[in-house]
Structure formats: structure tokens, C-alpha cells
Amino acid sequence: MLIARKFRVLLQIAVCMALLAGPLAAQEAVSLAGSGSNLAGSLYFAWTAQFEKLHPAVKVRYLPLGTSASIKEIREGKGDFGGGEIPLTASQKHSGTSSLTQFPTILVAIAPIYKLPGNPELRFSGELLAKIYLGIIRNWKDPLIARLNPDVSLPNLPITVVHLSGVKGSNYILADFLSKTSPDWKSRIGKTASPDWPVGLEINRSEAMVTKVSATPGAIGYVEFAYAKSKNVGYASVQNAAGLFVKPTPAAIAAACTASDKYIPEDLGASLTNAPGKESYPLASFTWIYVPAQGLDPARSRALKDFWIWTLADGQEIATSLGFTPLPPAIASRSKQALLSIK
């Protein structure tokens, strides 16, 4: 809470400095300030650093407040952009100080992580994950786990459930998937960024999630795939809508997006979880940026468009280098068109 409050103060200072620059900003420099999720924070920091090297007259400040706080800030007119893993509702887009436009920047995925003796490669279904996070399955010797993993010698070990606290984009992606694959989860918890968890230890950030799971035999948690891979933590294959078990890989994450293409609405606020297709990873998602649809002065509007259009082109290579999955060209083109529509 204290860290989030500090970030909000910094965001407000950055916005005030940009506004006080007045005509000077239009002639010499523009300072953009925005906030977003922690999940893609490392990429956004890399993007801003590289863009400022290429365009020294434009300064971009990104503060990882988290998805929920970021939506609140941009709806209240604080900052030039927000970001996160939750698509805006119609009310959120039209009931704030300004109408908002959203567009995807990259693809992300949630990976179930765990700590078991011998580090076996496990397979999970949505039904199994729901039963674990509902507190129905409590031991790694459970018959359902054994049925999905017949070649693994499972330990007689209690399951320590670990989940993220508060309103998180990662929670939203997981809950969205479980709502599609588990009637029990859908009726008891539903699709939400802040589940009413019946069991488990609360952890505030992905870094702490990996630390806790890695240090606790029998633990299970979930983090963004690129982060899990960078930390060399074990992650599972997950059963997709075609009934196949798929590991999170850039190709499998991209396949989920491609398979969902015809279902993506005009405002780009689509869910990619449990996408059709044999190759699709079922816990994939966009991460979005939210921007005012109108009201920016010409210099700020131009700088905002230039920065995010660059991320959708050259910036996608940086995303790949950091383990994230770039947007398919057709979606990147639609994101660019959404950007160009702002006034």
C-alpha cells in the first residue's frame, strides 16, 4: 500500500511537471507520464529507455502501480496512459474524465509454478487448478493429479496454495480461464481480478510468489511465463480447449491469439484464455494500454502516438529478447489504428 501511494505521488509530480512546461514542451521537449501493471513492467522500462535514446526530446515515465490502480488513475485524468491485463468495460471507457481507447501491446501468459521433490514435469487441467485453488484437492497424491500425470511418482505431500493478493491482472487471467473450465469456480468465484480466495497464502508481488514457492516443498503458485522462465522455476503444461496439454512457449501463446482472431471485437478487449486450437496455450492474454480518446494538446498527442507506434513495430523485437511474445502483425496493425484514432 505504501509503495503504491509513493508511485501515485511520483506519477502526479511527473504529470504536473509536464503540464507546467507549457509552450516550451511543444517547442523543445515533451514529457509523458503513465502507469501500468507490474507484469510487463520490465519490458515497458526497456521500451522507454530505448525510445528516449532514439528520441531525446521525448521523455516517458512509467510507474508500475498495478492494473487496478492504473485504470483508476487514467480514468481520473492522471497521466497520459495506463496499462494492464484487464480489458476496460464500456462504463470504464466512457464514464471518466475523458473517454478512453485501449489497444494491446504484447501477448503474455500465466504459468502455474510448483515445488516438488525431483522437479517433475506436471500436467494440469483447468478443473484440477480450480479444485486446488478452491481447497477441494489438498494433497499431491490426489487421484485427479495422478490421473493427469500417470508417469510421475507423486509425493504424499500437502499442497501449499499461494496466490496474489488484491486486484491483479494475473488474478484476472487465471480466474477468467478457471471460469471457462470449472463450473464450481464459475459459480463460487467467477471472473474477477480480486478473487475471494477460500484457501492459500497471500503474496503481494510476482517476485515474492517465486521466492515463496521455490522455498516451500509442496507449494503451487502462478506468475507470468517470461518471469517464470527467467527465474528457472518449474512450470506446468496446461490442458487446452482441444484437450491437449501445452507448455507456455511464445509459439503456443501466439497460437492462442491467432486462433481467437475472429472473436476479437472492434475495441480489442478480447479474452484469449482457453482459445480453440490444438497448439494454443490456454492461459494467454493481451496486455493493454489505455489512453484518452481526445483532449491532449497536439504535441503530447503526437509524442504519445510516436512512442506507442514505435513499441508496436521495433519495440516488438525488444519484447522478444525479454521473453515476451510479440503481437501478430494483424493485431499490431489494429492497435496502431486505434492509436491513430485519438485526437
Protein backbone atom coordinates (compact mmCIF):
# COMPACT_ATOMS: atom_id res chain seq x y z
CA MET A 1 0.00 0.00 0.00
CA LEU A 2 2.82 2.42 0.92
CA ILE A 3 4.71 1.60 -2.29
CA ALA A 4 1.59 2.16 -4.40
CA ARG A 5 0.94 5.50 -2.67
CA LYS A 6 4.53 6.56 -3.34
CA PHE A 7 4.16 5.66 -7.03
CA ARG A 8 0.94 7.69 -7.25
CA VAL A 9 2.69 10.73 -5.81
CA LEU A 10 5.53 10.32 -8.31
CA LEU A 11 3.04 10.00 -11.16
CA GLN A 12 1.26 13.18 -10.09
CA ILE A 13 4.57 15.04 -9.86
CA ALA A 14 5.55 13.83 -13.34
CA VAL A 15 2.23 14.95 -14.79
CA CYS A 16 2.44 18.37 -13.09
CA MET A 17 5.97 18.92 -14.41
CA ALA A 18 4.81 18.02 -17.91
CA LEU A 19 1.86 20.42 -17.71
CA LEU A 20 3.92 23.26 -16.24
CA ALA A 21 6.29 23.02 -19.18
CA GLY A 22 3.51 24.60 -21.29
CA PRO A 23 4.56 26.03 -24.65
CA LEU A 24 8.18 25.03 -24.05
CA ALA A 25 7.18 21.37 -24.21
CA ALA A 26 5.58 21.85 -27.60
CA GLN A 27 8.72 23.53 -28.97
CA GLU A 28 11.57 21.62 -27.38
CA ALA A 29 10.52 18.58 -25.38
CA VAL A 30 7.54 16.54 -24.28
CA SER A 31 7.36 14.56 -21.04
CA LEU A 32 4.83 11.74 -20.97
CA ALA A 33 3.82 10.06 -17.72
CA GLY A 34 1.85 6.85 -17.31
CA SER A 35 1.34 3.82 -15.15
CA GLY A 36 0.51 0.18 -15.60
CA SER A 37 0.95 -3.36 -14.42
CA ASN A 38 3.97 -4.92 -12.79
CA LEU A 39 3.60 -7.94 -15.04
CA ALA A 40 5.04 -6.20 -18.11
CA GLY A 41 7.00 -3.59 -16.19
CA SER A 42 10.45 -4.82 -17.20
CA LEU A 43 9.51 -4.53 -20.87
CA TYR A 44 7.99 -1.07 -20.52
CA PHE A 45 11.12 0.18 -18.76
CA ALA A 46 13.23 -1.23 -21.60
CA TRP A 47 10.97 0.41 -24.16
CA THR A 48 11.11 3.84 -22.55
CA ALA A 49 14.89 3.69 -22.18
CA GLN A 50 15.47 2.75 -25.83
CA PHE A 51 12.91 5.21 -27.19
CA GLU A 52 14.48 8.09 -25.25
CA LYS A 53 17.87 7.22 -26.78
CA LEU A 54 16.35 7.42 -30.24
CA HIS A 55 14.16 10.46 -29.48
CA PRO A 56 15.86 12.53 -26.76
CA ALA A 57 13.24 15.30 -26.97
CA VAL A 58 10.59 12.90 -25.62
CA LYS A 59 10.75 11.64 -22.03
CA VAL A 60 8.49 8.78 -20.97
CA ARG A 61 7.98 7.93 -17.30
CA TYR A 62 6.37 4.58 -16.48
CA LEU A 63 5.25 3.72 -12.95
CA PRO A 64 4.23 0.09 -12.17
CA LEU A 65 1.24 0.84 -9.95
CA GLY A 66 -0.62 -2.32 -10.96
CA THR A 67 -3.56 -2.77 -13.31
CA SER A 68 -6.36 -1.67 -10.98
CA ALA A 69 -4.61 1.48 -9.75
CA SER A 70 -3.57 2.34 -13.29
CA ILE A 71 -7.16 2.14 -14.57
CA LYS A 72 -8.27 4.38 -11.71
CA GLU A 73 -5.53 6.94 -12.43
CA ILE A 74 -6.17 7.23 -16.16
CA ARG A 75 -9.96 7.42 -15.68
CA GLU A 76 -9.38 10.34 -13.29
CA GLY A 77 -7.25 12.09 -15.90
CA LYS A 78 -3.96 11.48 -14.09
CA GLY A 79 -1.24 10.70 -16.60
CA ASP A 80 -1.08 10.22 -20.34
CA PHE A 81 -1.65 6.46 -20.39
CA GLY A 82 -2.47 3.49 -18.22
CA GLY A 83 -1.95 -0.21 -18.72
CA GLY A 84 -2.79 -3.70 -17.55
CA GLU A 85 -4.15 -7.16 -18.24
CA ILE A 86 -7.83 -6.34 -17.71
CA PRO A 87 -9.86 -5.09 -20.70
CA LEU A 88 -11.87 -1.97 -19.99
CA THR A 89 -15.62 -2.25 -19.60
CA ALA A 90 -17.94 0.08 -21.51
CA SER A 91 -18.50 2.03 -18.31
CA GLN A 92 -14.77 2.43 -17.68
CA LYS A 93 -14.22 3.63 -21.23
CA HIS A 94 -16.90 6.30 -21.16
CA SER A 95 -17.62 7.41 -17.58
CA GLY A 96 -14.31 9.01 -16.54
CA THR A 97 -12.95 12.50 -17.12
CA SER A 98 -12.34 11.51 -20.75
CA SER A 99 -13.37 8.64 -23.00
CA LEU A 100 -10.64 6.02 -23.24
CA THR A 101 -9.23 3.93 -26.07
CA GLN A 102 -7.48 0.63 -25.40
CA PHE A 103 -5.08 -1.38 -27.53
CA PRO A 104 -2.85 -4.45 -26.96
CA THR A 105 0.93 -4.06 -26.88
CA ILE A 106 2.15 -7.64 -26.40
CA LEU A 107 0.97 -11.13 -25.51
CA VAL A 108 1.53 -12.55 -22.04
CA ALA A 109 0.69 -15.83 -20.33
CA ILE A 110 0.26 -17.13 -16.82
CA ALA A 111 2.27 -20.22 -15.90
CA PRO A 112 1.36 -22.44 -12.92
CA ILE A 113 4.56 -22.96 -10.90
CA TYR A 114 5.23 -25.54 -8.20
CA LYS A 115 7.90 -27.04 -5.94
CA LEU A 116 8.10 -30.84 -5.72
CA PRO A 117 10.97 -33.25 -4.97
CA GLY A 118 12.84 -34.11 -8.15
CA ASN A 119 11.22 -31.25 -10.09
CA PRO A 120 8.91 -33.46 -12.20
CA GLU A 121 7.18 -32.04 -15.26
CA LEU A 122 3.48 -31.92 -14.43
CA ARG A 123 0.26 -31.55 -16.39
CA PHE A 124 -2.69 -29.56 -15.06
CA SER A 125 -6.22 -29.08 -16.31
CA GLY A 126 -8.50 -26.17 -15.55
CA GLU A 127 -10.62 -28.48 -13.42
CA LEU A 128 -7.58 -29.53 -11.37
CA LEU A 129 -6.33 -25.98 -10.84
CA ALA A 130 -9.80 -24.89 -9.76
CA LYS A 131 -10.10 -27.74 -7.25
CA ILE A 132 -6.68 -26.86 -5.81
CA TYR A 133 -7.47 -23.16 -5.51
CA LEU A 134 -10.92 -23.90 -4.08
CA GLY A 135 -9.32 -26.07 -1.40
CA ILE A 136 -11.01 -29.26 -2.62
CA ILE A 137 -7.74 -31.01 -3.52
CA ARG A 138 -5.18 -30.69 -0.73
CA ASN A 139 -2.52 -33.37 -1.36
CA TRP A 140 -0.23 -34.08 -4.29
CA LYS A 141 -1.24 -37.77 -4.11
CA ASP A 142 -4.80 -36.91 -5.11
CA PRO A 143 -6.26 -39.29 -7.73
CA LEU A 144 -7.05 -36.48 -10.18
CA ILE A 145 -3.42 -35.29 -10.16
CA ALA A 146 -2.28 -38.90 -10.57
CA ARG A 147 -4.68 -39.48 -13.47
CA LEU A 148 -3.32 -36.48 -15.37
CA ASN A 149 0.30 -37.45 -14.57
CA PRO A 150 0.46 -41.27 -14.80
CA ASP A 151 4.23 -41.37 -15.35
CA VAL A 152 5.10 -39.22 -12.32
CA SER A 153 5.79 -40.59 -8.85
CA LEU A 154 3.81 -38.07 -6.83
CA PRO A 155 4.79 -37.40 -3.21
CA ASN A 156 2.43 -37.76 -0.26
CA LEU A 157 2.76 -34.07 0.46
CA PRO A 158 0.24 -31.39 1.42
CA ILE A 159 -0.38 -28.72 -1.21
CA THR A 160 0.55 -25.22 -0.07
CA VAL A 161 -1.57 -22.86 -2.14
CA VAL A 162 -0.04 -19.43 -2.85
CA HIS A 163 -1.96 -16.63 -4.57
CA LEU A 164 -1.58 -12.94 -5.31
CA SER A 165 -3.38 -10.51 -3.05
CA GLY A 166 -5.57 -7.60 -4.11
CA VAL A 167 -6.64 -6.69 -7.62
CA LYS A 168 -4.12 -8.12 -10.08
CA GLY A 169 -4.02 -8.72 -13.82
CA SER A 170 -2.56 -12.18 -13.18
CA ASN A 171 -5.53 -13.00 -10.95
CA TYR A 172 -7.89 -11.88 -13.72
CA ILE A 173 -6.27 -14.11 -16.36
CA LEU A 174 -6.32 -17.15 -14.05
CA ALA A 175 -9.90 -16.55 -12.87
CA ASP A 176 -11.08 -15.99 -16.45
CA PHE A 177 -9.60 -19.34 -17.51
CA LEU A 178 -10.97 -21.21 -14.49
CA SER A 179 -14.44 -19.72 -15.05
CA LYS A 180 -14.41 -21.24 -18.53
CA THR A 181 -13.19 -24.68 -17.43
CA SER A 182 -14.70 -25.26 -13.98
CA PRO A 183 -18.42 -24.86 -13.19
CA ASP A 184 -17.55 -24.87 -9.47
CA TRP A 185 -15.14 -21.97 -9.88
CA LYS A 186 -17.57 -20.05 -12.10
CA SER A 187 -20.40 -20.34 -9.56
CA ARG A 188 -18.33 -19.76 -6.42
CA ILE A 189 -15.67 -17.25 -7.52
CA GLY A 190 -16.21 -16.17 -11.13
CA LYS A 191 -14.16 -14.00 -13.46
CA THR A 192 -12.56 -11.36 -11.28
CA ALA A 193 -9.24 -9.64 -10.72
CA SER A 194 -9.70 -9.96 -6.96
CA PRO A 195 -10.94 -13.48 -6.17
CA ASP A 196 -12.40 -14.27 -2.76
CA TRP A 197 -9.83 -17.00 -2.19
CA PRO A 198 -11.10 -19.77 0.12
CA VAL A 199 -7.59 -21.08 0.84
CA GLY A 200 -3.97 -20.08 0.44
CA LEU A 201 -1.17 -17.76 1.44
CA GLU A 202 -1.37 -14.20 0.15
CA ILE A 203 1.63 -12.78 -1.70
CA ASN A 204 1.76 -9.22 -2.99
CA ARG A 205 4.09 -9.46 -6.00
CA SER A 206 5.36 -12.00 -8.52
CA GLU A 207 8.89 -11.76 -7.13
CA ALA A 208 7.65 -12.82 -3.71
CA MET A 209 5.49 -15.53 -5.31
CA VAL A 210 8.51 -17.17 -6.94
CA THR A 211 10.55 -16.87 -3.74
CA LYS A 212 7.81 -18.43 -1.61
CA VAL A 213 7.01 -21.28 -3.99
CA SER A 214 10.69 -22.08 -4.60
CA ALA A 215 11.34 -22.28 -0.84
CA THR A 216 8.25 -24.34 0.07
CA PRO A 217 8.08 -28.06 -0.81
CA GLY A 218 4.56 -28.82 -2.00
CA ALA A 219 3.76 -25.22 -2.95
CA ILE A 220 1.85 -24.11 -6.04
CA GLY A 221 1.51 -20.58 -7.45
CA TYR A 222 1.35 -18.71 -10.75
CA VAL A 223 3.36 -15.98 -12.47
CA GLU A 224 3.85 -14.56 -15.95
CA PHE A 225 5.61 -17.07 -18.19
CA ALA A 226 8.56 -14.86 -19.14
CA TYR A 227 9.25 -14.20 -15.47
CA ALA A 228 8.99 -17.89 -14.54
CA LYS A 229 11.41 -18.79 -17.30
CA SER A 230 13.89 -16.09 -16.27
CA LYS A 231 13.90 -17.45 -12.70
CA ASN A 232 14.33 -21.11 -13.74
CA VAL A 233 11.29 -22.17 -11.74
CA GLY A 234 9.32 -25.27 -12.73
CA TYR A 235 6.07 -24.65 -14.60
CA ALA A 236 3.38 -26.99 -15.85
CA SER A 237 1.73 -27.90 -19.11
CA VAL A 238 -1.95 -26.94 -19.12
CA GLN A 239 -4.80 -28.68 -20.92
CA ASN A 240 -6.26 -26.52 -23.68
CA ALA A 241 -9.71 -26.41 -25.26
CA ALA A 242 -8.71 -29.16 -27.70
CA GLY A 243 -7.88 -31.47 -24.79
CA LEU A 244 -4.11 -31.33 -25.33
CA PHE A 245 -1.52 -30.42 -22.71
CA VAL A 246 0.57 -27.47 -23.86
CA LYS A 247 3.51 -25.73 -22.23
CA PRO A 248 3.71 -21.95 -22.36
CA THR A 249 6.02 -21.02 -25.22
CA PRO A 250 6.00 -17.95 -27.48
CA ALA A 251 4.64 -20.10 -30.31
CA ALA A 252 1.83 -21.56 -28.19
CA ILE A 253 0.92 -18.13 -26.78
CA ALA A 254 0.83 -16.64 -30.29
CA ALA A 255 -1.28 -19.59 -31.46
CA ALA A 256 -3.93 -18.71 -28.87
CA CYS A 257 -4.12 -15.19 -30.26
CA THR A 258 -4.28 -16.32 -33.88
CA ALA A 259 -6.99 -18.87 -33.07
CA SER A 260 -9.03 -16.14 -31.35
CA ASP A 261 -8.67 -13.60 -34.16
CA LYS A 262 -12.25 -13.80 -35.44
CA TYR A 263 -13.58 -13.30 -31.90
CA ILE A 264 -11.61 -10.13 -31.18
CA PRO A 265 -14.06 -7.18 -31.09
CA GLU A 266 -13.56 -3.75 -32.57
CA ASP A 267 -12.35 -2.31 -29.25
CA LEU A 268 -9.72 -5.11 -28.98
CA GLY A 269 -10.92 -6.08 -25.49
CA ALA A 270 -10.85 -9.83 -26.10
CA SER A 271 -10.18 -12.71 -23.75
CA LEU A 272 -7.65 -15.19 -25.13
CA THR A 273 -7.97 -17.80 -22.37
CA ASN A 274 -8.99 -21.33 -23.34
CA ALA A 275 -8.66 -20.40 -27.01
CA PRO A 276 -9.53 -23.01 -29.63
CA GLY A 277 -6.83 -24.89 -31.49
CA LYS A 278 -4.52 -27.81 -30.79
CA GLU A 279 -1.43 -25.60 -30.40
CA SER A 280 -2.98 -22.87 -28.23
CA TYR A 281 -1.73 -22.27 -24.70
CA PRO A 282 -4.89 -21.72 -22.64
CA LEU A 283 -3.68 -19.09 -20.14
CA ALA A 284 -2.70 -16.44 -22.69
CA SER A 285 -3.75 -12.80 -22.67
CA PHE A 286 -3.14 -9.41 -24.15
CA THR A 287 -1.68 -6.69 -22.03
CA TRP A 288 -3.36 -3.39 -22.92
CA ILE A 289 -2.57 0.30 -22.85
CA TYR A 290 -5.39 2.74 -22.06
CA VAL A 291 -5.19 6.28 -23.47
CA PRO A 292 -7.54 9.30 -23.61
CA ALA A 293 -9.51 9.25 -26.85
CA GLN A 294 -9.35 13.03 -27.10
CA GLY A 295 -8.28 16.16 -25.25
CA LEU A 296 -4.48 16.05 -25.49
CA ASP A 297 -2.66 19.04 -26.93
CA PRO A 298 -1.12 18.40 -30.37
CA ALA A 299 2.47 17.98 -29.15
CA ARG A 300 1.53 15.48 -26.44
CA SER A 301 -0.80 13.59 -28.77
CA ARG A 302 1.94 13.32 -31.39
CA ALA A 303 4.53 12.15 -28.83
CA LEU A 304 2.12 9.60 -27.36
CA LYS A 305 1.34 8.18 -30.79
CA ASP A 306 5.01 8.14 -31.83
CA PHE A 307 6.06 6.24 -28.71
CA TRP A 308 3.40 3.56 -28.78
CA ILE A 309 3.55 3.10 -32.55
CA TRP A 310 7.28 2.52 -32.14
CA THR A 311 6.60 -0.14 -29.48
CA LEU A 312 4.25 -1.89 -31.91
CA ALA A 313 7.00 -2.04 -34.55
CA ASP A 314 10.66 -2.00 -33.48
CA GLY A 315 9.68 -2.44 -29.83
CA GLN A 316 8.35 -5.92 -30.52
CA GLU A 317 11.92 -7.14 -31.04
CA ILE A 318 12.80 -5.92 -27.55
CA ALA A 319 9.76 -7.79 -26.22
CA THR A 320 11.05 -10.99 -27.82
CA SER A 321 14.52 -10.51 -26.34
CA LEU A 322 12.99 -10.27 -22.85
CA GLY A 323 10.95 -13.44 -23.26
CA PHE A 324 7.59 -11.84 -24.03
CA THR A 325 5.52 -12.79 -27.06
CA PRO A 326 5.09 -10.14 -29.79
CA LEU A 327 1.73 -9.34 -31.29
CA PRO A 328 0.79 -10.99 -34.59
CA PRO A 329 1.12 -8.38 -37.38
CA ALA A 330 -2.65 -8.16 -37.90
CA ILE A 331 -3.25 -7.29 -34.22
CA ALA A 332 -0.33 -4.84 -34.16
CA SER A 333 -1.91 -3.11 -37.16
CA ARG A 334 -5.26 -2.86 -35.37
CA SER A 335 -3.53 -1.43 -32.29
CA LYS A 336 -1.87 1.18 -34.49
CA GLN A 337 -5.22 2.15 -35.99
CA ALA A 338 -6.69 2.53 -32.50
CA LEU A 339 -3.80 4.84 -31.61
CA LEU A 340 -4.21 6.92 -34.74
CA SER A 341 -7.87 7.47 -33.88
CA ILE A 342 -7.11 9.52 -30.75
CA LYS A 343 -7.41 13.29 -31.09
